Amino acid sequence: MAEPKAHELVVSVSPHVRGKETVERIMWTVNLALLPAFIMSVYYFGPLAAYVTGLCILTSVLFEHFYQIALKKKSTIGDGSAFLTGLLLGLNLPPTVPFYIPVVGSLIAIVITKLLFGGLGYNVFNPALIGRAFLLISFPKLLTTWSAPTAKITGMDAQTMATPLGLLKEEGLDVLLHEMGKMKEVETYASSDLYMDLLTGNVAGSLGETSVIALLIGAALLFYRGYITWHIPFSFLATVGVMAWAFGGEGLFSGDPLIHLLSGGLILGAFFMATDYVTCPSVRKGQIIFGIGCGAITMLIRLKGGFPEGVMFAILLMNCFAPIIDRSIKPDLFGAVRVKKEKKS
C-alpha cells in the first residue's frame, strides 16, 4: 500500500474522538490544582517550604531540558510534566531537608524513572514517588524528621515533632491527643480537635500532605474538568476507611477511620498520584481494583509494617500490576453486541 500524501485525508476505523484537551493543558491544570496545597505549606512552614518545592521544580525542569538537549532531542519542558513531577516531589518532602535532597530526588525522578524509560507516557512508575522512595531509603533520618507547623520555619531552630500517624502507630490514640494538646498549649484536646487540625493542615508532616481542605479544593477542579474519575480515589479511600475501622483499634471494628483518612499522604496520593494516567489502569473496573489494592497495602503497612505511612509504597507496588490489570479486564468493544452461545444438546 502506497504511503499517503501530506494533503490526503486518511480515514481510520470508528469511533473518532476529537477534543480540545492536550497534554500541556492537562499537566498545567494539575499544577494549578496543587496550588492551594502549596500555599498552605508556605503558610504553615514558612519560606523553607517555598525553597524546597521551588528547588525540586527547578532541578526537575533543568534535568529534563539538558538531558534532551544532550541527546539532540526537542526539549519538552513546556508540557508541564517535569514541573508537575518537581512540584509533587517537593510536596512529599519535609521542609527542613538540605539542598542536595531535592536535587538528588529530581535526578532520580526525571532521568532514571522517566527519561530512561522513554519519557512521558512510557514510565512504569510514578516518577515523584520513586524519587521520594530513593531518598527515604538513602537518607531515612532526613526524610523522617518532621517540624511543627506553627514554627514558621526560618532557620534551623524549628521544633521537631512526630506526625499524627507516627504517634498513633507507636503510642496510641491517647498519647497522640496528649502530644497534640501540648503542642497547641491547651489543657483538653479531643478527637474533634484533631480532625479539624488535619483538615486545615496544622500538623507535622510533609509539605503537601497536611491540609486536606487545600488538597480537596484542587481535586474538585480535576473532577470538574473531567481529568480524574471517582474510580481510583474513592475505592482507595473506602478501602482505607473500612480496614481502619475493622482493624485499626484495640479490638475488632473499634478503629477510628477518620484519623487514617485525614492523616498522612492519603489524600495527596489518592487524588493526585494514584490517578496518574501513565501508571494506572485505563479500564474503569481495573481502576477500582487498583484503588482497592492501594488502600489494602496502605493499611497493611500502617498497621503491621515498619513505617507509619504506606501510601507511597502502595501506589508503587500497584503500578507494577497496572498492565496486568488492563490485560485481564478487557472492556466491551464499541458498538459490539454480546451474543449468548447456545448449549449443544
C-alpha atoms as a PDB file:
ATOM      1  CA  MET A   1       0.000   0.000   0.000  1.00  0.00           C
ATOM      2  CA  ALA A   2       1.388   3.381  -1.002  1.00  0.00           C
ATOM      3  CA  GLU A   3       2.215   5.973   1.620  1.00  0.00           C
ATOM      4  CA  PRO A   4      -0.482   8.693   1.877  1.00  0.00           C
ATOM      5  CA  LYS A   5       0.490  12.133   0.680  1.00  0.00           C
ATOM      6  CA  ALA A   6       0.575  15.107   3.026  1.00  0.00           C
ATOM      7  CA  HIS A   7      -2.683  16.577   1.689  1.00  0.00           C
ATOM      8  CA  GLU A   8      -4.632  13.328   1.713  1.00  0.00           C
ATOM      9  CA  LEU A   9      -7.220  12.574   4.377  1.00  0.00           C
ATOM     10  CA  VAL A  10      -6.683   9.185   5.991  1.00  0.00           C
ATOM     11  CA  VAL A  11      -9.849   7.713   7.481  1.00  0.00           C
ATOM     12  CA  SER A  12      -9.442   5.105  10.210  1.00  0.00           C
ATOM     13  CA  VAL A  13     -11.894   2.766  11.849  1.00  0.00           C
ATOM     14  CA  SER A  14     -14.500   4.443  14.048  1.00  0.00           C
ATOM     15  CA  PRO A  15     -15.201   5.648  16.692  1.00  0.00           C
ATOM     16  CA  HIS A  16     -13.473   9.005  16.266  1.00  0.00           C
ATOM     17  CA  VAL A  17     -12.988  11.165  19.333  1.00  0.00           C
ATOM     18  CA  ARG A  18     -11.872  14.757  18.986  1.00  0.00           C
ATOM     19  CA  GLY A  19     -11.355  17.068  21.916  1.00  0.00           C
ATOM     20  CA  LYS A  20      -9.609  20.269  22.906  1.00  0.00           C
ATOM     21  CA  GLU A  21      -7.570  18.685  25.683  1.00  0.00           C
ATOM     22  CA  THR A  22      -3.813  18.405  25.242  1.00  0.00           C
ATOM     23  CA  VAL A  23      -1.032  17.030  27.406  1.00  0.00           C
ATOM     24  CA  GLU A  24       0.071  20.579  28.155  1.00  0.00           C
ATOM     25  CA  ARG A  25      -3.381  21.694  29.213  1.00  0.00           C
ATOM     26  CA  ILE A  26      -3.900  18.693  31.478  1.00  0.00           C
ATOM     27  CA  MET A  27      -0.482  18.953  33.136  1.00  0.00           C
ATOM     28  CA  TRP A  28      -0.708  22.669  33.829  1.00  0.00           C
ATOM     29  CA  THR A  29      -4.246  22.232  35.191  1.00  0.00           C
ATOM     30  CA  VAL A  30      -2.980  19.622  37.646  1.00  0.00           C
ATOM     31  CA  ASN A  31      -0.205  22.036  38.639  1.00  0.00           C
ATOM     32  CA  LEU A  32      -2.855  24.676  39.230  1.00  0.00           C
ATOM     33  CA  ALA A  33      -4.910  22.208  41.287  1.00  0.00           C
ATOM     34  CA  LEU A  34      -1.924  21.724  43.618  1.00  0.00           C
ATOM     35  CA  LEU A  35      -1.517  25.464  44.157  1.00  0.00           C
ATOM     36  CA  PRO A  36      -3.800  25.601  47.259  1.00  0.00           C
ATOM     37  CA  ALA A  37      -1.758  22.854  48.939  1.00  0.00           C
ATOM     38  CA  PHE A  38       1.469  24.673  48.112  1.00  0.00           C
ATOM     39  CA  ILE A  39       0.116  27.949  49.514  1.00  0.00           C
ATOM     40  CA  MET A  40      -0.908  26.227  52.742  1.00  0.00           C
ATOM     41  CA  SER A  41       2.523  24.637  53.065  1.00  0.00           C
ATOM     42  CA  VAL A  42       4.143  28.080  52.864  1.00  0.00           C
ATOM     43  CA  TYR A  43       1.602  29.447  55.351  1.00  0.00           C
ATOM     44  CA  TYR A  44       2.367  26.749  57.926  1.00  0.00           C
ATOM     45  CA  PHE A  45       6.061  26.104  57.319  1.00  0.00           C
ATOM     46  CA  GLY A  46       7.326  29.457  56.110  1.00  0.00           C
ATOM     47  CA  PRO A  47       9.970  30.320  53.464  1.00  0.00           C
ATOM     48  CA  LEU A  48      11.673  26.930  53.560  1.00  0.00           C
ATOM     49  CA  ALA A  49       8.535  25.344  52.112  1.00  0.00           C
ATOM     50  CA  ALA A  50       8.794  27.578  49.048  1.00  0.00           C
ATOM     51  CA  TYR A  51      12.553  26.971  48.869  1.00  0.00           C
ATOM     52  CA  VAL A  52      12.317  23.161  48.954  1.00  0.00           C
ATOM     53  CA  THR A  53       9.427  22.975  46.483  1.00  0.00           C
ATOM     54  CA  GLY A  54      10.959  25.566  44.176  1.00  0.00           C
ATOM     55  CA  LEU A  55      14.305  23.751  44.140  1.00  0.00           C
ATOM     56  CA  CYS A  56      12.569  20.472  43.262  1.00  0.00           C
ATOM     57  CA  ILE A  57      10.724  22.138  40.388  1.00  0.00           C
ATOM     58  CA  LEU A  58      13.795  23.965  39.085  1.00  0.00           C
ATOM     59  CA  THR A  59      16.070  20.924  39.126  1.00  0.00           C
ATOM     60  CA  SER A  60      13.408  18.670  37.590  1.00  0.00           C
ATOM     61  CA  VAL A  61      12.888  21.061  34.696  1.00  0.00           C
ATOM     62  CA  LEU A  62      16.641  21.552  34.180  1.00  0.00           C
ATOM     63  CA  PHE A  63      17.418  17.827  34.281  1.00  0.00           C
ATOM     64  CA  GLU A  64      14.766  17.120  31.638  1.00  0.00           C
ATOM     65  CA  HIS A  65      15.850  20.026  29.435  1.00  0.00           C
ATOM     66  CA  PHE A  66      19.575  19.269  29.425  1.00  0.00           C
ATOM     67  CA  TYR A  67      19.050  15.512  29.076  1.00  0.00           C
ATOM     68  CA  GLN A  68      17.035  16.025  25.912  1.00  0.00           C
ATOM     69  CA  ILE A  69      19.428  18.649  24.579  1.00  0.00           C
ATOM     70  CA  ALA A  70      22.330  16.241  25.156  1.00  0.00           C
ATOM     71  CA  LEU A  71      20.526  13.590  23.108  1.00  0.00           C
ATOM     72  CA  LYS A  72      19.722  16.197  20.421  1.00  0.00           C
ATOM     73  CA  LYS A  73      16.014  15.910  21.033  1.00  0.00           C
ATOM     74  CA  LYS A  74      13.422  18.635  21.266  1.00  0.00           C
ATOM     75  CA  SER A  75      13.006  19.859  24.839  1.00  0.00           C
ATOM     76  CA  THR A  76       9.571  19.041  26.265  1.00  0.00           C
ATOM     77  CA  ILE A  77       9.681  21.102  29.435  1.00  0.00           C
ATOM     78  CA  GLY A  78       6.833  23.212  28.105  1.00  0.00           C
ATOM     79  CA  ASP A  79       4.328  20.381  28.524  1.00  0.00           C
ATOM     80  CA  GLY A  80       4.380  20.873  32.296  1.00  0.00           C
ATOM     81  CA  SER A  81       5.121  17.250  33.203  1.00  0.00           C
ATOM     82  CA  ALA A  82       8.612  17.954  34.602  1.00  0.00           C
ATOM     83  CA  PHE A  83       7.197  20.902  36.529  1.00  0.00           C
ATOM     84  CA  LEU A  84       4.483  18.644  37.963  1.00  0.00           C
ATOM     85  CA  THR A  85       6.984  15.956  38.943  1.00  0.00           C
ATOM     86  CA  GLY A  86       9.097  18.537  40.774  1.00  0.00           C
ATOM     87  CA  LEU A  87       6.044  20.008  42.479  1.00  0.00           C
ATOM     88  CA  LEU A  88       4.818  16.602  43.667  1.00  0.00           C
ATOM     89  CA  LEU A  89       8.293  15.651  44.859  1.00  0.00           C
ATOM     90  CA  GLY A  90       8.588  18.884  46.820  1.00  0.00           C
ATOM     91  CA  LEU A  91       5.192  18.381  48.418  1.00  0.00           C
ATOM     92  CA  ASN A  92       6.348  14.923  49.559  1.00  0.00           C
ATOM     93  CA  LEU A  93       9.376  16.246  51.468  1.00  0.00           C
ATOM     94  CA  PRO A  94       9.813  17.757  54.938  1.00  0.00           C
ATOM     95  CA  PRO A  95      10.601  21.494  54.954  1.00  0.00           C
ATOM     96  CA  THR A  96      13.991  21.179  56.683  1.00  0.00           C
ATOM     97  CA  VAL A  97      15.831  18.906  54.239  1.00  0.00           C
ATOM     98  CA  PRO A  98      19.230  20.178  52.972  1.00  0.00           C
ATOM     99  CA  PHE A  99      19.571  21.443  49.409  1.00  0.00           C
ATOM    100  CA  TYR A 100      21.009  18.241  47.952  1.00  0.00           C
ATOM    101  CA  ILE A 101      17.903  16.218  48.841  1.00  0.00           C
ATOM    102  CA  PRO A 102      15.661  17.921  46.229  1.00  0.00           C
ATOM    103  CA  VAL A 103      18.480  17.766  43.664  1.00  0.00           C
ATOM    104  CA  VAL A 104      19.076  14.021  44.102  1.00  0.00           C
ATOM    105  CA  GLY A 105      15.356  13.307  44.236  1.00  0.00           C
ATOM    106  CA  SER A 106      14.744  15.221  40.999  1.00  0.00           C
ATOM    107  CA  LEU A 107      17.602  13.392  39.283  1.00  0.00           C
ATOM    108  CA  ILE A 108      16.143  10.001  40.191  1.00  0.00           C
ATOM    109  CA  ALA A 109      12.589  11.044  39.323  1.00  0.00           C
ATOM    110  CA  ILE A 110      13.262  12.699  35.982  1.00  0.00           C
ATOM    111  CA  VAL A 111      16.306  10.997  34.493  1.00  0.00           C
ATOM    112  CA  ILE A 112      16.152   7.474  35.927  1.00  0.00           C
ATOM    113  CA  THR A 113      12.412   6.908  36.295  1.00  0.00           C
ATOM    114  CA  LYS A 114      11.033   8.956  33.407  1.00  0.00           C
ATOM    115  CA  LEU A 115      13.511   9.743  30.634  1.00  0.00           C
ATOM    116  CA  LEU A 116      15.490   6.488  30.590  1.00  0.00           C
ATOM    117  CA  PHE A 117      12.208   4.630  30.099  1.00  0.00           C
ATOM    118  CA  GLY A 118      11.373   6.762  27.058  1.00  0.00           C
ATOM    119  CA  GLY A 119       9.868   9.905  28.511  1.00  0.00           C
ATOM    120  CA  LEU A 120       6.302  10.912  29.294  1.00  0.00           C
ATOM    121  CA  GLY A 121       3.890   8.069  28.649  1.00  0.00           C
ATOM    122  CA  TYR A 122       6.467   5.290  28.918  1.00  0.00           C
ATOM    123  CA  ASN A 123       7.440   5.325  32.579  1.00  0.00           C
ATOM    124  CA  VAL A 124       6.269   2.329  34.583  1.00  0.00           C
ATOM    125  CA  PHE A 125       6.272   4.014  37.998  1.00  0.00           C
ATOM    126  CA  ASN A 126       5.212   7.426  39.233  1.00  0.00           C
ATOM    127  CA  PRO A 127       8.457   9.481  38.956  1.00  0.00           C
ATOM    128  CA  ALA A 128       7.888  11.673  42.015  1.00  0.00           C
ATOM    129  CA  LEU A 129       7.203   8.654  44.229  1.00  0.00           C
ATOM    130  CA  ILE A 130      10.274   6.792  43.004  1.00  0.00           C
ATOM    131  CA  GLY A 131      12.319   9.900  43.752  1.00  0.00           C
ATOM    132  CA  ARG A 132      10.943  10.060  47.273  1.00  0.00           C
ATOM    133  CA  ALA A 133      11.335   6.316  47.812  1.00  0.00           C
ATOM    134  CA  PHE A 134      15.009   6.547  46.837  1.00  0.00           C
ATOM    135  CA  LEU A 135      15.517   9.462  49.215  1.00  0.00           C
ATOM    136  CA  LEU A 136      13.744   7.663  52.067  1.00  0.00           C
ATOM    137  CA  ILE A 137      15.950   4.600  51.651  1.00  0.00           C
ATOM    138  CA  SER A 138      19.158   6.617  51.218  1.00  0.00           C
ATOM    139  CA  PHE A 139      18.549   9.367  53.803  1.00  0.00           C
ATOM    140  CA  PRO A 140      16.000   7.923  56.261  1.00  0.00           C
ATOM    141  CA  LYS A 141      16.761  10.328  59.113  1.00  0.00           C
ATOM    142  CA  LEU A 142      16.425  13.454  56.966  1.00  0.00           C
ATOM    143  CA  LEU A 143      13.215  12.202  55.391  1.00  0.00           C
ATOM    144  CA  THR A 144      11.587  11.350  58.740  1.00  0.00           C
ATOM    145  CA  THR A 145      12.473  14.469  60.722  1.00  0.00           C
ATOM    146  CA  TRP A 146       9.291  16.499  60.936  1.00  0.00           C
ATOM    147  CA  SER A 147       8.734  20.056  62.097  1.00  0.00           C
ATOM    148  CA  ALA A 148       5.828  21.560  63.976  1.00  0.00           C
ATOM    149  CA  PRO A 149       3.932  23.766  61.500  1.00  0.00           C
ATOM    150  CA  THR A 150       3.439  26.625  63.953  1.00  0.00           C
ATOM    151  CA  ALA A 151       7.199  27.210  63.992  1.00  0.00           C
ATOM    152  CA  LYS A 152       7.046  29.195  60.720  1.00  0.00           C
ATOM    153  CA  ILE A 153      10.497  27.865  59.982  1.00  0.00           C
ATOM    154  CA  THR A 154      13.083  30.463  59.016  1.00  0.00           C
ATOM    155  CA  GLY A 155      16.238  28.648  60.076  1.00  0.00           C
ATOM    156  CA  MET A 156      17.426  25.609  61.986  1.00  0.00           C
ATOM    157  CA  ASP A 157      15.545  26.404  65.203  1.00  0.00           C
ATOM    158  CA  ALA A 158      12.395  24.549  64.180  1.00  0.00           C
ATOM    159  CA  GLN A 159      10.586  22.470  66.785  1.00  0.00           C
ATOM    160  CA  THR A 160      10.612  18.820  65.774  1.00  0.00           C
ATOM    161  CA  MET A 161       7.523  16.695  66.260  1.00  0.00           C
ATOM    162  CA  ALA A 162       6.237  13.287  65.212  1.00  0.00           C
ATOM    163  CA  THR A 163       3.441  13.058  62.679  1.00  0.00           C
ATOM    164  CA  PRO A 164      -0.060  12.034  63.830  1.00  0.00           C
ATOM    165  CA  LEU A 165       0.329   8.655  62.116  1.00  0.00           C
ATOM    166  CA  GLY A 166       3.706   8.125  63.782  1.00  0.00           C
ATOM    167  CA  LEU A 167       2.316   8.867  67.232  1.00  0.00           C
ATOM    168  CA  LEU A 168      -0.783   6.769  66.592  1.00  0.00           C
ATOM    169  CA  LYS A 169       1.279   3.779  65.495  1.00  0.00           C
ATOM    170  CA  GLU A 170       3.905   3.937  68.242  1.00  0.00           C
ATOM    171  CA  GLU A 171       1.981   5.300  71.229  1.00  0.00           C
ATOM    172  CA  GLY A 172      -1.746   5.028  70.543  1.00  0.00           C
ATOM    173  CA  LEU A 173      -4.603   7.494  70.289  1.00  0.00           C
ATOM    174  CA  ASP A 174      -4.426   8.779  73.879  1.00  0.00           C
ATOM    175  CA  VAL A 175      -0.756   9.750  73.578  1.00  0.00           C
ATOM    176  CA  LEU A 176      -1.434  11.298  70.180  1.00  0.00           C
ATOM    177  CA  LEU A 177      -4.132  13.549  71.623  1.00  0.00           C
ATOM    178  CA  HIS A 178      -1.927  14.392  74.628  1.00  0.00           C
ATOM    179  CA  GLU A 179       1.049  15.374  72.459  1.00  0.00           C
ATOM    180  CA  MET A 180      -1.107  17.422  70.132  1.00  0.00           C
ATOM    181  CA  GLY A 181      -2.579  19.219  73.129  1.00  0.00           C
ATOM    182  CA  LYS A 182       0.918  20.015  74.425  1.00  0.00           C
ATOM    183  CA  MET A 183       1.887  21.451  71.060  1.00  0.00           C
ATOM    184  CA  LYS A 184      -1.263  23.589  70.963  1.00  0.00           C
ATOM    185  CA  GLU A 185      -0.747  24.528  74.651  1.00  0.00           C
ATOM    186  CA  VAL A 186      -4.296  23.558  75.597  1.00  0.00           C
ATOM    187  CA  GLU A 187      -5.481  21.505  78.564  1.00  0.00           C
ATOM    188  CA  THR A 188      -8.108  19.476  76.723  1.00  0.00           C
ATOM    189  CA  TYR A 189      -7.612  18.217  73.197  1.00  0.00           C
ATOM    190  CA  ALA A 190     -10.185  15.791  71.795  1.00  0.00           C
ATOM    191  CA  SER A 191     -10.517  13.773  68.608  1.00  0.00           C
ATOM    192  CA  SER A 192     -12.724  16.501  67.121  1.00  0.00           C
ATOM    193  CA  ASP A 193      -9.875  18.990  67.573  1.00  0.00           C
ATOM    194  CA  LEU A 194      -7.522  16.581  65.811  1.00  0.00           C
ATOM    195  CA  TYR A 195      -9.934  16.231  62.888  1.00  0.00           C
ATOM    196  CA  MET A 196     -10.033  19.998  62.479  1.00  0.00           C
ATOM    197  CA  ASP A 197      -6.247  20.322  62.573  1.00  0.00           C
ATOM    198  CA  LEU A 198      -5.901  17.555  59.998  1.00  0.00           C
ATOM    199  CA  LEU A 199      -8.449  19.226  57.741  1.00  0.00           C
ATOM    200  CA  THR A 200      -6.740  22.608  57.883  1.00  0.00           C
ATOM    201  CA  GLY A 201      -3.176  21.250  57.874  1.00  0.00           C
ATOM    202  CA  ASN A 202      -1.969  22.431  61.265  1.00  0.00           C
ATOM    203  CA  VAL A 203       0.009  19.227  61.939  1.00  0.00           C
ATOM    204  CA  ALA A 204       3.524  17.951  61.332  1.00  0.00           C
ATOM    205  CA  GLY A 205       4.217  16.155  58.072  1.00  0.00           C
ATOM    206  CA  SER A 206       5.411  16.556  54.520  1.00  0.00           C
ATOM    207  CA  LEU A 207       4.689  19.877  52.850  1.00  0.00           C
ATOM    208  CA  GLY A 208       1.767  18.689  50.778  1.00  0.00           C
ATOM    209  CA  GLU A 209       0.209  16.016  52.948  1.00  0.00           C
ATOM    210  CA  THR A 210      -1.070  18.258  55.704  1.00  0.00           C
ATOM    211  CA  SER A 211      -4.003  20.419  54.566  1.00  0.00           C
ATOM    212  CA  VAL A 212      -6.806  18.117  53.481  1.00  0.00           C
ATOM    213  CA  ILE A 213      -9.101  21.026  52.586  1.00  0.00           C
ATOM    214  CA  ALA A 214      -6.498  22.526  50.236  1.00  0.00           C
ATOM    215  CA  LEU A 215      -5.991  19.178  48.509  1.00  0.00           C
ATOM    216  CA  LEU A 216      -9.734  18.580  48.135  1.00  0.00           C
ATOM    217  CA  ILE A 217     -10.163  22.013  46.536  1.00  0.00           C
ATOM    218  CA  GLY A 218      -7.594  21.011  43.941  1.00  0.00           C
ATOM    219  CA  ALA A 219      -9.187  17.604  43.477  1.00  0.00           C
ATOM    220  CA  ALA A 220     -12.561  19.259  42.883  1.00  0.00           C
ATOM    221  CA  LEU A 221     -11.020  21.186  39.976  1.00  0.00           C
ATOM    222  CA  LEU A 222      -9.750  17.957  38.420  1.00  0.00           C
ATOM    223  CA  PHE A 223     -13.181  16.335  38.785  1.00  0.00           C
ATOM    224  CA  TYR A 224     -14.822  19.407  37.258  1.00  0.00           C
ATOM    225  CA  ARG A 225     -12.514  19.303  34.250  1.00  0.00           C
ATOM    226  CA  GLY A 226     -13.028  15.557  33.885  1.00  0.00           C
ATOM    227  CA  TYR A 227      -9.329  14.759  34.268  1.00  0.00           C
ATOM    228  CA  ILE A 228      -9.943  12.204  37.004  1.00  0.00           C
ATOM    229  CA  THR A 229     -12.903   9.992  37.882  1.00  0.00           C
ATOM    230  CA  TRP A 230     -14.136   8.563  41.152  1.00  0.00           C
ATOM    231  CA  HIS A 231     -12.971   5.002  40.497  1.00  0.00           C
ATOM    232  CA  ILE A 232      -9.420   5.105  41.918  1.00  0.00           C
ATOM    233  CA  PRO A 233      -9.639   7.734  44.691  1.00  0.00           C
ATOM    234  CA  PHE A 234     -12.953   6.604  46.138  1.00  0.00           C
ATOM    235  CA  SER A 235     -12.109   2.890  46.088  1.00  0.00           C
ATOM    236  CA  PHE A 236      -8.727   3.801  47.621  1.00  0.00           C
ATOM    237  CA  LEU A 237     -10.320   5.861  50.416  1.00  0.00           C
ATOM    238  CA  ALA A 238     -13.172   3.419  51.024  1.00  0.00           C
ATOM    239  CA  THR A 239     -10.750   0.515  51.474  1.00  0.00           C
ATOM    240  CA  VAL A 240      -8.623   2.523  53.913  1.00  0.00           C
ATOM    241  CA  GLY A 241     -11.710   3.578  55.864  1.00  0.00           C
ATOM    242  CA  VAL A 242     -13.141   0.073  56.166  1.00  0.00           C
ATOM    243  CA  MET A 243      -9.820  -1.508  57.145  1.00  0.00           C
ATOM    244  CA  ALA A 244      -9.067   1.259  59.653  1.00  0.00           C
ATOM    245  CA  TRP A 245     -12.482   0.776  61.258  1.00  0.00           C
ATOM    246  CA  ALA A 246     -12.174  -3.014  61.297  1.00  0.00           C
ATOM    247  CA  PHE A 247      -8.549  -3.456  62.339  1.00  0.00           C
ATOM    248  CA  GLY A 248      -7.278  -0.047  63.483  1.00  0.00           C
ATOM    249  CA  GLY A 249      -8.472  -0.181  67.089  1.00  0.00           C
ATOM    250  CA  GLU A 250      -7.701  -2.283  70.134  1.00  0.00           C
ATOM    251  CA  GLY A 251     -10.494  -4.674  69.203  1.00  0.00           C
ATOM    252  CA  LEU A 252     -12.255  -5.683  66.022  1.00  0.00           C
ATOM    253  CA  PHE A 253     -14.375  -2.900  64.480  1.00  0.00           C
ATOM    254  CA  SER A 254     -13.206  -0.342  67.031  1.00  0.00           C
ATOM    255  CA  GLY A 255     -10.814   1.768  64.955  1.00  0.00           C
ATOM    256  CA  ASP A 256     -11.185   5.439  64.044  1.00  0.00           C
ATOM    257  CA  PRO A 257     -11.321   5.623  60.220  1.00  0.00           C
ATOM    258  CA  LEU A 258     -11.350   9.435  60.112  1.00  0.00           C
ATOM    259  CA  ILE A 259      -7.850   9.733  61.558  1.00  0.00           C
ATOM    260  CA  HIS A 260      -6.479   7.401  58.893  1.00  0.00           C
ATOM    261  CA  LEU A 261      -8.445   9.081  56.115  1.00  0.00           C
ATOM    262  CA  LEU A 262      -7.306  12.592  57.035  1.00  0.00           C
ATOM    263  CA  SER A 263      -3.712  11.794  58.045  1.00  0.00           C
ATOM    264  CA  GLY A 264      -0.520  11.334  56.087  1.00  0.00           C
ATOM    265  CA  GLY A 265      -0.276  11.387  52.317  1.00  0.00           C
ATOM    266  CA  LEU A 266      -3.553   9.586  51.645  1.00  0.00           C
ATOM    267  CA  ILE A 267      -5.478  12.472  50.060  1.00  0.00           C
ATOM    268  CA  LEU A 268      -2.482  13.655  48.048  1.00  0.00           C
ATOM    269  CA  GLY A 269      -1.778  10.120  46.871  1.00  0.00           C
ATOM    270  CA  ALA A 270      -5.363   9.094  46.149  1.00  0.00           C
ATOM    271  CA  PHE A 271      -6.302  12.126  44.048  1.00  0.00           C
ATOM    272  CA  PHE A 272      -3.026  13.305  42.517  1.00  0.00           C
ATOM    273  CA  MET A 273      -0.628  10.347  42.220  1.00  0.00           C
ATOM    274  CA  ALA A 274      -2.626   7.127  42.068  1.00  0.00           C
ATOM    275  CA  THR A 275      -4.675   8.689  39.240  1.00  0.00           C
ATOM    276  CA  ASP A 276      -1.616   9.298  37.045  1.00  0.00           C
ATOM    277  CA  TYR A 277      -2.708   8.390  33.503  1.00  0.00           C
ATOM    278  CA  VAL A 278       0.535   6.620  32.639  1.00  0.00           C
ATOM    279  CA  THR A 279       0.916   4.370  35.670  1.00  0.00           C
ATOM    280  CA  CYS A 280      -2.680   3.396  36.494  1.00  0.00           C
ATOM    281  CA  PRO A 281      -5.069   1.073  34.616  1.00  0.00           C
ATOM    282  CA  SER A 282      -7.131   2.604  31.836  1.00  0.00           C
ATOM    283  CA  VAL A 283     -10.136   0.292  32.274  1.00  0.00           C
ATOM    284  CA  ARG A 284     -12.709   1.540  34.797  1.00  0.00           C
ATOM    285  CA  LYS A 285     -13.205  -1.813  36.517  1.00  0.00           C
ATOM    286  CA  GLY A 286      -9.457  -2.180  36.654  1.00  0.00           C
ATOM    287  CA  GLN A 287      -9.153   1.244  38.280  1.00  0.00           C
ATOM    288  CA  ILE A 288     -11.443   0.120  41.088  1.00  0.00           C
ATOM    289  CA  ILE A 289      -9.254  -2.943  41.651  1.00  0.00           C
ATOM    290  CA  PHE A 290      -6.200  -0.695  41.544  1.00  0.00           C
ATOM    291  CA  GLY A 291      -7.692   1.620  44.178  1.00  0.00           C
ATOM    292  CA  ILE A 292      -8.690  -1.270  46.444  1.00  0.00           C
ATOM    293  CA  GLY A 293      -5.183  -2.688  46.172  1.00  0.00           C
ATOM    294  CA  CYS A 294      -3.637   0.674  47.048  1.00  0.00           C
ATOM    295  CA  GLY A 295      -5.906   1.021  50.075  1.00  0.00           C
ATOM    296  CA  ALA A 296      -5.269  -2.508  51.335  1.00  0.00           C
ATOM    297  CA  ILE A 297      -1.477  -2.214  51.044  1.00  0.00           C
ATOM    298  CA  THR A 298      -1.546   1.217  52.670  1.00  0.00           C
ATOM    299  CA  MET A 299      -3.368  -0.081  55.720  1.00  0.00           C
ATOM    300  CA  LEU A 300      -1.267  -3.251  55.900  1.00  0.00           C
ATOM    301  CA  ILE A 301       1.862  -1.094  56.157  1.00  0.00           C
ATOM    302  CA  ARG A 302       0.276   1.421  58.533  1.00  0.00           C
ATOM    303  CA  LEU A 303      -0.985  -1.230  60.943  1.00  0.00           C
ATOM    304  CA  LYS A 304       1.605  -4.005  60.659  1.00  0.00           C
ATOM    305  CA  GLY A 305       4.593  -2.637  58.761  1.00  0.00           C
ATOM    306  CA  GLY A 306       7.727  -0.877  59.934  1.00  0.00           C
ATOM    307  CA  PHE A 307       6.669   2.529  58.603  1.00  0.00           C
ATOM    308  CA  PRO A 308       3.751   4.603  59.936  1.00  0.00           C
ATOM    309  CA  GLU A 309       2.778   5.561  56.370  1.00  0.00           C
ATOM    310  CA  GLY A 310       2.252   3.269  53.404  1.00  0.00           C
ATOM    311  CA  VAL A 311       0.690   5.358  50.623  1.00  0.00           C
ATOM    312  CA  MET A 312       3.910   5.748  48.630  1.00  0.00           C
ATOM    313  CA  PHE A 313       4.780   2.044  48.719  1.00  0.00           C
ATOM    314  CA  ALA A 314       1.184   1.048  47.989  1.00  0.00           C
ATOM    315  CA  ILE A 315       0.943   3.133  44.820  1.00  0.00           C
ATOM    316  CA  LEU A 316       4.352   1.996  43.558  1.00  0.00           C
ATOM    317  CA  LEU A 317       3.521  -1.661  44.148  1.00  0.00           C
ATOM    318  CA  MET A 318       0.191  -1.325  42.364  1.00  0.00           C
ATOM    319  CA  ASN A 319       1.941   0.453  39.460  1.00  0.00           C
ATOM    320  CA  CYS A 320       3.585  -2.925  38.819  1.00  0.00           C
ATOM    321  CA  PHE A 321       0.196  -4.577  38.409  1.00  0.00           C
ATOM    322  CA  ALA A 322      -1.447  -1.884  36.263  1.00  0.00           C
ATOM    323  CA  PRO A 323      -0.527  -3.524  32.903  1.00  0.00           C
ATOM    324  CA  ILE A 324      -1.674  -6.926  34.154  1.00  0.00           C
ATOM    325  CA  ILE A 325      -4.972  -5.478  35.335  1.00  0.00           C
ATOM    326  CA  ASP A 326      -5.544  -3.818  31.956  1.00  0.00           C
ATOM    327  CA  ARG A 327      -4.841  -7.063  30.098  1.00  0.00           C
ATOM    328  CA  SER A 328      -7.022  -9.141  32.419  1.00  0.00           C
ATOM    329  CA  ILE A 329     -10.074  -6.901  32.322  1.00  0.00           C
ATOM    330  CA  LYS A 330     -10.989  -6.248  28.710  1.00  0.00           C
ATOM    331  CA  PRO A 331     -13.628  -3.583  28.051  1.00  0.00           C
ATOM    332  CA  ASP A 332     -16.545  -4.176  25.689  1.00  0.00           C
ATOM    333  CA  LEU A 333     -15.840  -3.164  22.113  1.00  0.00           C
ATOM    334  CA  PHE A 334     -17.621  -0.025  20.985  1.00  0.00           C
ATOM    335  CA  GLY A 335     -20.870  -0.963  19.247  1.00  0.00           C
ATOM    336  CA  ALA A 336     -20.425  -4.673  19.877  1.00  0.00           C
ATOM    337  CA  VAL A 337     -23.367  -6.813  20.973  1.00  0.00           C
ATOM    338  CA  ARG A 338     -22.838  -9.806  23.199  1.00  0.00           C
ATOM    339  CA  VAL A 339     -24.388 -12.977  21.854  1.00  0.00           C
ATOM    340  CA  LYS A 340     -25.072 -15.855  24.218  1.00  0.00           C
ATOM    341  CA  LYS A 341     -23.792 -19.170  22.982  1.00  0.00           C
ATOM    342  CA  GLU A 342     -26.388 -21.910  22.863  1.00  0.00           C
ATOM    343  CA  LYS A 343     -25.509 -25.098  24.681  1.00  0.00           C
ATOM    344  CA  LYS A 344     -25.160 -28.131  22.492  1.00  0.00           C
ATOM    345  CA  SER A 345     -27.573 -30.894  23.376  1.00  0.00           C
END
